[in-house]
Amino acid sequence: MTIIDHNQQQVKNIPSLNPLGIVLTLNGKFHYSTIPSGGGDKHKQPIIAWKQYQTKAPTQAELQNWQKTHNPGLWGIL
């Protein structure tokens, strides 16, 4: 699987996992800050307060908790 980041750069060697597995890989291996999304009228808005994650990546425990409590349809990369 290949993912394109916000700078239009390819992030390669992402294992084909469930969405949470991909998020945990992006967060842990590549240090990307990822947040749950899928809210709002167009189902693209963040579903948590996200500004703090512009400068600090969420912990793996936070990511797992968001998956459990929100079951997001999308994950955003900040």
PDB file of N, CA and C in Angstrom:
ATOM      1  N   MET A   1       0.839  -1.166   0.000  1.00  0.00           N
ATOM      2  CA  MET A   1       0.000   0.000   0.000  1.00  0.00           C
ATOM      3  C   MET A   1       0.882   1.225   0.000  1.00  0.00           C
ATOM      4  N   THR A   2       0.519   2.231  -0.759  1.00  0.00           N
ATOM      5  CA  THR A   2       1.221   3.504  -0.788  1.00  0.00           C
ATOM      6  C   THR A   2       0.255   4.598  -0.381  1.00  0.00           C
ATOM      7  N   ILE A   3       0.698   5.483   0.488  1.00  0.00           N
ATOM      8  CA  ILE A   3      -0.104   6.603   0.950  1.00  0.00           C
ATOM      9  C   ILE A   3       0.616   7.878   0.554  1.00  0.00           C
ATOM     10  N   ILE A   4      -0.134   8.877   0.113  1.00  0.00           N
ATOM     11  CA  ILE A   4       0.430  10.174  -0.241  1.00  0.00           C
ATOM     12  C   ILE A   4       0.156  11.123   0.922  1.00  0.00           C
ATOM     13  N   ASP A   5       1.213  11.770   1.441  1.00  0.00           N
ATOM     14  CA  ASP A   5       1.015  12.678   2.568  1.00  0.00           C
ATOM     15  C   ASP A   5       0.646  14.079   2.089  1.00  0.00           C
ATOM     16  N   HIS A   6       0.483  15.014   3.036  1.00  0.00           N
ATOM     17  CA  HIS A   6       0.038  16.366   2.710  1.00  0.00           C
ATOM     18  C   HIS A   6       1.032  17.144   1.862  1.00  0.00           C
ATOM     19  N   ASN A   7       2.273  16.727   1.802  1.00  0.00           N
ATOM     20  CA  ASN A   7       3.283  17.369   0.955  1.00  0.00           C
ATOM     21  C   ASN A   7       3.399  16.686  -0.397  1.00  0.00           C
ATOM     22  N   GLN A   8       2.443  15.823  -0.716  1.00  0.00           N
ATOM     23  CA  GLN A   8       2.410  15.068  -1.965  1.00  0.00           C
ATOM     24  C   GLN A   8       3.615  14.135  -2.097  1.00  0.00           C
ATOM     25  N   GLN A   9       4.148  13.687  -0.981  1.00  0.00           N
ATOM     26  CA  GLN A   9       5.252  12.740  -0.975  1.00  0.00           C
ATOM     27  C   GLN A   9       4.696  11.352  -0.675  1.00  0.00           C
ATOM     28  N   GLN A  10       5.257  10.371  -1.305  1.00  0.00           N
ATOM     29  CA  GLN A  10       4.794   9.011  -1.077  1.00  0.00           C
ATOM     30  C   GLN A  10       5.401   8.456   0.208  1.00  0.00           C
ATOM     31  N   VAL A  11       4.564   7.832   0.993  1.00  0.00           N
ATOM     32  CA  VAL A  11       5.005   7.098   2.175  1.00  0.00           C
ATOM     33  C   VAL A  11       4.824   5.640   1.806  1.00  0.00           C
ATOM     34  N   LYS A  12       5.926   4.923   1.647  1.00  0.00           N
ATOM     35  CA  LYS A  12       5.858   3.543   1.166  1.00  0.00           C
ATOM     36  C   LYS A  12       6.030   2.554   2.310  1.00  0.00           C
ATOM     37  N   ASN A  13       5.858   1.320   1.968  1.00  0.00           N
ATOM     38  CA  ASN A  13       6.061   0.205   2.892  1.00  0.00           C
ATOM     39  C   ASN A  13       5.112   0.242   4.088  1.00  0.00           C
ATOM     40  N   ILE A  14       3.876   0.657   3.831  1.00  0.00           N
ATOM     41  CA  ILE A  14       2.844   0.575   4.852  1.00  0.00           C
ATOM     42  C   ILE A  14       2.208  -0.801   4.719  1.00  0.00           C
ATOM     43  N   PRO A  15       2.234  -1.596   5.757  1.00  0.00           N
ATOM     44  CA  PRO A  15       1.608  -2.916   5.637  1.00  0.00           C
ATOM     45  C   PRO A  15       0.100  -2.777   5.448  1.00  0.00           C
ATOM     46  N   SER A  16      -0.470  -3.711   4.723  1.00  0.00           N
ATOM     47  CA  SER A  16      -1.924  -3.719   4.535  1.00  0.00           C
ATOM     48  C   SER A  16      -2.567  -4.249   5.813  1.00  0.00           C
ATOM     49  N   LEU A  17      -3.013  -3.332   6.626  1.00  0.00           N
ATOM     50  CA  LEU A  17      -3.617  -3.653   7.905  1.00  0.00           C
ATOM     51  C   LEU A  17      -5.010  -3.051   7.971  1.00  0.00           C
ATOM     52  N   ASN A  18      -5.681  -3.275   9.069  1.00  0.00           N
ATOM     53  CA  ASN A  18      -6.936  -2.582   9.289  1.00  0.00           C
ATOM     54  C   ASN A  18      -6.643  -1.090   9.461  1.00  0.00           C
ATOM     55  N   PRO A  19      -7.659  -0.228   9.375  1.00  0.00           N
ATOM     56  CA  PRO A  19      -7.400   1.219   9.465  1.00  0.00           C
ATOM     57  C   PRO A  19      -6.630   1.625  10.719  1.00  0.00           C
ATOM     58  N   LEU A  20      -6.950   1.053  11.865  1.00  0.00           N
ATOM     59  CA  LEU A  20      -6.215   1.406  13.078  1.00  0.00           C
ATOM     60  C   LEU A  20      -4.765   0.974  12.972  1.00  0.00           C
ATOM     61  N   GLY A  21      -4.487  -0.165  12.373  1.00  0.00           N
ATOM     62  CA  GLY A  21      -3.108  -0.614  12.188  1.00  0.00           C
ATOM     63  C   GLY A  21      -2.310   0.358  11.333  1.00  0.00           C
ATOM     64  N   ILE A  22      -2.933   0.875  10.287  1.00  0.00           N
ATOM     65  CA  ILE A  22      -2.261   1.866   9.433  1.00  0.00           C
ATOM     66  C   ILE A  22      -1.998   3.139  10.221  1.00  0.00           C
ATOM     67  N   VAL A  23      -2.990   3.594  10.980  1.00  0.00           N
ATOM     68  CA  VAL A  23      -2.839   4.802  11.790  1.00  0.00           C
ATOM     69  C   VAL A  23      -1.723   4.624  12.808  1.00  0.00           C
ATOM     70  N   LEU A  24      -1.683   3.484  13.485  1.00  0.00           N
ATOM     71  CA  LEU A  24      -0.628   3.231  14.465  1.00  0.00           C
ATOM     72  C   LEU A  24       0.743   3.200  13.799  1.00  0.00           C
ATOM     73  N   THR A  25       0.828   2.667  12.578  1.00  0.00           N
ATOM     74  CA  THR A  25       2.093   2.647  11.844  1.00  0.00           C
ATOM     75  C   THR A  25       2.516   4.054  11.466  1.00  0.00           C
ATOM     76  N   LEU A  26       1.598   4.845  10.936  1.00  0.00           N
ATOM     77  CA  LEU A  26       1.921   6.226  10.566  1.00  0.00           C
ATOM     78  C   LEU A  26       2.360   7.023  11.779  1.00  0.00           C
ATOM     79  N   ASN A  27       1.698   6.803  12.894  1.00  0.00           N
ATOM     80  CA  ASN A  27       2.007   7.522  14.122  1.00  0.00           C
ATOM     81  C   ASN A  27       3.337   7.065  14.715  1.00  0.00           C
ATOM     82  N   GLY A  28       3.539   5.767  14.822  1.00  0.00           N
ATOM     83  CA  GLY A  28       4.722   5.235  15.501  1.00  0.00           C
ATOM     84  C   GLY A  28       5.976   5.228  14.650  1.00  0.00           C
ATOM     85  N   LYS A  29       5.877   4.757  13.421  1.00  0.00           N
ATOM     86  CA  LYS A  29       7.055   4.593  12.581  1.00  0.00           C
ATOM     87  C   LYS A  29       7.448   5.884  11.864  1.00  0.00           C
ATOM     88  N   PHE A  30       6.441   6.626  11.396  1.00  0.00           N
ATOM     89  CA  PHE A  30       6.726   7.819  10.597  1.00  0.00           C
ATOM     90  C   PHE A  30       6.462   9.118  11.355  1.00  0.00           C
ATOM     91  N   HIS A  31       5.983   9.024  12.594  1.00  0.00           N
ATOM     92  CA  HIS A  31       5.752  10.176  13.459  1.00  0.00           C
ATOM     93  C   HIS A  31       4.735  11.167  12.888  1.00  0.00           C
ATOM     94  N   TYR A  32       3.750  10.667  12.163  1.00  0.00           N
ATOM     95  CA  TYR A  32       2.665  11.508  11.680  1.00  0.00           C
ATOM     96  C   TYR A  32       1.629  11.655  12.777  1.00  0.00           C
ATOM     97  N   SER A  33       1.065  12.837  12.877  1.00  0.00           N
ATOM     98  CA  SER A  33      -0.019  13.065  13.812  1.00  0.00           C
ATOM     99  C   SER A  33      -1.318  12.760  13.087  1.00  0.00           C
ATOM    100  N   THR A  34      -2.050  11.779  13.564  1.00  0.00           N
ATOM    101  CA  THR A  34      -3.287  11.351  12.930  1.00  0.00           C
ATOM    102  C   THR A  34      -4.442  11.542  13.907  1.00  0.00           C
ATOM    103  N   ILE A  35      -5.599  11.947  13.368  1.00  0.00           N
ATOM    104  CA  ILE A  35      -6.779  12.171  14.194  1.00  0.00           C
ATOM    105  C   ILE A  35      -8.003  11.535  13.537  1.00  0.00           C
ATOM    106  N   PRO A  36      -8.995  11.152  14.334  1.00  0.00           N
ATOM    107  CA  PRO A  36     -10.206  10.583  13.747  1.00  0.00           C
ATOM    108  C   PRO A  36     -11.034  11.655  13.063  1.00  0.00           C
ATOM    109  N   SER A  37     -11.588  11.300  11.940  1.00  0.00           N
ATOM    110  CA  SER A  37     -12.386  12.225  11.148  1.00  0.00           C
ATOM    111  C   SER A  37     -13.660  11.530  10.716  1.00  0.00           C
ATOM    112  N   GLY A  38     -14.499  12.241   9.997  1.00  0.00           N
ATOM    113  CA  GLY A  38     -15.729  11.662   9.497  1.00  0.00           C
ATOM    114  C   GLY A  38     -16.968  12.384   9.983  1.00  0.00           C
ATOM    115  N   GLY A  39     -16.801  13.529  10.661  1.00  0.00           N
ATOM    116  CA  GLY A  39     -17.938  14.282  11.155  1.00  0.00           C
ATOM    117  C   GLY A  39     -18.394  15.357  10.193  1.00  0.00           C
ATOM    118  N   GLY A  40     -19.396  16.098  10.594  1.00  0.00           N
ATOM    119  CA  GLY A  40     -19.912  17.211   9.810  1.00  0.00           C
ATOM    120  C   GLY A  40     -20.814  16.783   8.667  1.00  0.00           C
ATOM    121  N   ASP A  41     -21.310  17.776   7.948  1.00  0.00           N
ATOM    122  CA  ASP A  41     -22.232  17.529   6.835  1.00  0.00           C
ATOM    123  C   ASP A  41     -21.622  16.673   5.740  1.00  0.00           C
ATOM    124  N   LYS A  42     -20.334  16.882   5.461  1.00  0.00           N
ATOM    125  CA  LYS A  42     -19.673  16.146   4.381  1.00  0.00           C
ATOM    126  C   LYS A  42     -18.885  14.953   4.903  1.00  0.00           C
ATOM    127  N   HIS A  43     -18.996  14.693   6.192  1.00  0.00           N
ATOM    128  CA  HIS A  43     -18.331  13.549   6.830  1.00  0.00           C
ATOM    129  C   HIS A  43     -16.818  13.591   6.660  1.00  0.00           C
ATOM    130  N   LYS A  44     -16.241  14.802   6.691  1.00  0.00           N
ATOM    131  CA  LYS A  44     -14.796  14.950   6.560  1.00  0.00           C
ATOM    132  C   LYS A  44     -14.179  15.723   7.717  1.00  0.00           C
ATOM    133  N   GLN A  45     -14.995  16.250   8.608  1.00  0.00           N
ATOM    134  CA  GLN A  45     -14.481  17.075   9.693  1.00  0.00           C
ATOM    135  C   GLN A  45     -13.935  16.220  10.838  1.00  0.00           C
ATOM    136  N   PRO A  46     -12.955  16.759  11.565  1.00  0.00           N
ATOM    137  CA  PRO A  46     -12.450  16.044  12.741  1.00  0.00           C
ATOM    138  C   PRO A  46     -13.566  15.812  13.748  1.00  0.00           C
ATOM    139  N   ILE A  47     -13.483  14.716  14.460  1.00  0.00           N
ATOM    140  CA  ILE A  47     -14.505  14.433  15.464  1.00  0.00           C
ATOM    141  C   ILE A  47     -13.954  14.556  16.886  1.00  0.00           C
ATOM    142  N   ILE A  48     -12.788  15.153  16.996  1.00  0.00           N
ATOM    143  CA  ILE A  48     -12.193  15.476  18.299  1.00  0.00           C
ATOM    144  C   ILE A  48     -11.617  16.887  18.211  1.00  0.00           C
ATOM    145  N   ALA A  49     -11.300  17.478  19.353  1.00  0.00           N
ATOM    146  CA  ALA A  49     -10.552  18.738  19.364  1.00  0.00           C
ATOM    147  C   ALA A  49      -9.135  18.414  18.883  1.00  0.00           C
ATOM    148  N   TRP A  50      -8.693  19.027  17.821  1.00  0.00           N
ATOM    149  CA  TRP A  50      -7.480  18.574  17.139  1.00  0.00           C
ATOM    150  C   TRP A  50      -6.295  19.521  17.192  1.00  0.00           C
ATOM    151  N   LYS A  51      -6.488  20.788  17.571  1.00  0.00           N
ATOM    152  CA  LYS A  51      -5.394  21.765  17.451  1.00  0.00           C
ATOM    153  C   LYS A  51      -4.134  21.358  18.213  1.00  0.00           C
ATOM    154  N   GLN A  52      -4.296  20.742  19.374  1.00  0.00           N
ATOM    155  CA  GLN A  52      -3.111  20.350  20.144  1.00  0.00           C
ATOM    156  C   GLN A  52      -2.258  19.321  19.401  1.00  0.00           C
ATOM    157  N   TYR A  53      -2.874  18.591  18.470  1.00  0.00           N
ATOM    158  CA  TYR A  53      -2.142  17.546  17.749  1.00  0.00           C
ATOM    159  C   TYR A  53      -1.391  18.083  16.532  1.00  0.00           C
ATOM    160  N   GLN A  54      -1.430  19.404  16.335  1.00  0.00           N
ATOM    161  CA  GLN A  54      -0.588  20.005  15.308  1.00  0.00           C
ATOM    162  C   GLN A  54       0.866  20.006  15.753  1.00  0.00           C
ATOM    163  N   THR A  55       1.099  20.032  17.048  1.00  0.00           N
ATOM    164  CA  THR A  55       2.461  20.094  17.571  1.00  0.00           C
ATOM    165  C   THR A  55       2.847  18.867  18.386  1.00  0.00           C
ATOM    166  N   LYS A  56       1.879  18.020  18.700  1.00  0.00           N
ATOM    167  CA  LYS A  56       2.130  16.822  19.507  1.00  0.00           C
ATOM    168  C   LYS A  56       1.332  15.671  18.913  1.00  0.00           C
ATOM    169  N   ALA A  57       2.009  14.603  18.617  1.00  0.00           N
ATOM    170  CA  ALA A  57       1.309  13.429  18.085  1.00  0.00           C
ATOM    171  C   ALA A  57       0.531  12.749  19.207  1.00  0.00           C
ATOM    172  N   PRO A  58      -0.641  12.207  18.896  1.00  0.00           N
ATOM    173  CA  PRO A  58      -1.385  11.468  19.916  1.00  0.00           C
ATOM    174  C   PRO A  58      -0.644  10.190  20.307  1.00  0.00           C
ATOM    175  N   THR A  59      -0.888   9.730  21.498  1.00  0.00           N
ATOM    176  CA  THR A  59      -0.277   8.475  21.945  1.00  0.00           C
ATOM    177  C   THR A  59      -1.016   7.308  21.306  1.00  0.00           C
ATOM    178  N   GLN A  60      -0.397   6.149  21.332  1.00  0.00           N
ATOM    179  CA  GLN A  60      -1.068   4.967  20.804  1.00  0.00           C
ATOM    180  C   GLN A  60      -2.322   4.655  21.619  1.00  0.00           C
ATOM    181  N   ALA A  61      -2.289   4.924  22.915  1.00  0.00           N
ATOM    182  CA  ALA A  61      -3.473   4.704  23.754  1.00  0.00           C
ATOM    183  C   ALA A  61      -4.619   5.625  23.326  1.00  0.00           C
ATOM    184  N   GLU A  62      -4.299   6.888  23.004  1.00  0.00           N
ATOM    185  CA  GLU A  62      -5.334   7.810  22.527  1.00  0.00           C
ATOM    186  C   GLU A  62      -5.925   7.315  21.214  1.00  0.00           C
ATOM    187  N   LEU A  63      -5.072   6.887  20.292  1.00  0.00           N
ATOM    188  CA  LEU A  63      -5.549   6.385  18.996  1.00  0.00           C
ATOM    189  C   LEU A  63      -6.467   5.181  19.182  1.00  0.00           C
ATOM    190  N   GLN A  64      -6.055   4.263  20.039  1.00  0.00           N
ATOM    191  CA  GLN A  64      -6.876   3.072  20.282  1.00  0.00           C
ATOM    192  C   GLN A  64      -8.200   3.437  20.950  1.00  0.00           C
ATOM    193  N   ASN A  65      -8.159   4.393  21.869  1.00  0.00           N
ATOM    194  CA  ASN A  65      -9.386   4.840  22.532  1.00  0.00           C
ATOM    195  C   ASN A  65     -10.332   5.501  21.526  1.00  0.00           C
ATOM    196  N   TRP A  66      -9.811   6.336  20.638  1.00  0.00           N
ATOM    197  CA  TRP A  66     -10.646   6.981  19.620  1.00  0.00           C
ATOM    198  C   TRP A  66     -11.284   5.941  18.707  1.00  0.00           C
ATOM    199  N   GLN A  67     -10.522   4.925  18.342  1.00  0.00           N
ATOM    200  CA  GLN A  67     -11.085   3.866  17.500  1.00  0.00           C
ATOM    201  C   GLN A  67     -12.240   3.184  18.230  1.00  0.00           C
ATOM    202  N   LYS A  68     -12.027   2.914  19.503  1.00  0.00           N
ATOM    203  CA  LYS A  68     -13.048   2.203  20.289  1.00  0.00           C
ATOM    204  C   LYS A  68     -14.288   3.067  20.514  1.00  0.00           C
ATOM    205  N   THR A  69     -14.094   4.337  20.860  1.00  0.00           N
ATOM    206  CA  THR A  69     -15.237   5.179  21.225  1.00  0.00           C
ATOM    207  C   THR A  69     -15.922   5.836  20.029  1.00  0.00           C
ATOM    208  N   HIS A  70     -15.177   6.155  18.971  1.00  0.00           N
ATOM    209  CA  HIS A  70     -15.748   6.882  17.825  1.00  0.00           C
ATOM    210  C   HIS A  70     -15.902   6.018  16.571  1.00  0.00           C
ATOM    211  N   ASN A  71     -15.081   4.969  16.446  1.00  0.00           N
ATOM    212  CA  ASN A  71     -15.067   4.146  15.247  1.00  0.00           C
ATOM    213  C   ASN A  71     -15.113   5.007  13.979  1.00  0.00           C
ATOM    214  N   PRO A  72     -14.085   5.866  13.785  1.00  0.00           N
ATOM    215  CA  PRO A  72     -14.136   6.833  12.697  1.00  0.00           C
ATOM    216  C   PRO A  72     -14.139   6.205  11.313  1.00  0.00           C
ATOM    217  N   GLY A  73     -14.862   6.854  10.422  1.00  0.00           N
ATOM    218  CA  GLY A  73     -14.893   6.407   9.027  1.00  0.00           C
ATOM    219  C   GLY A  73     -13.636   6.831   8.286  1.00  0.00           C
ATOM    220  N   LEU A  74     -12.985   7.862   8.783  1.00  0.00           N
ATOM    221  CA  LEU A  74     -11.764   8.387   8.168  1.00  0.00           C
ATOM    222  C   LEU A  74     -10.768   8.746   9.261  1.00  0.00           C
ATOM    223  N   TRP A  75      -9.502   8.784   8.864  1.00  0.00           N
ATOM    224  CA  TRP A  75      -8.454   9.304   9.750  1.00  0.00           C
ATOM    225  C   TRP A  75      -7.756  10.409   8.986  1.00  0.00           C
ATOM    226  N   GLY A  76      -7.524  11.534   9.656  1.00  0.00           N
ATOM    227  CA  GLY A  76      -6.823  12.653   9.022  1.00  0.00           C
ATOM    228  C   GLY A  76      -5.377  12.686   9.463  1.00  0.00           C
ATOM    229  N   ILE A  77      -4.518  13.115   8.559  1.00  0.00           N
ATOM    230  CA  ILE A  77      -3.092  13.286   8.858  1.00  0.00           C
ATOM    231  C   ILE A  77      -2.825  14.780   8.924  1.00  0.00           C
ATOM    232  N   LEU A  78      -2.293  15.238  10.071  1.00  0.00           N
ATOM    233  CA  LEU A  78      -1.994  16.662  10.226  1.00  0.00           C
ATOM    234  C   LEU A  78      -0.582  16.954   9.772  1.00  0.00           C
TER     235      LEU A  78
END
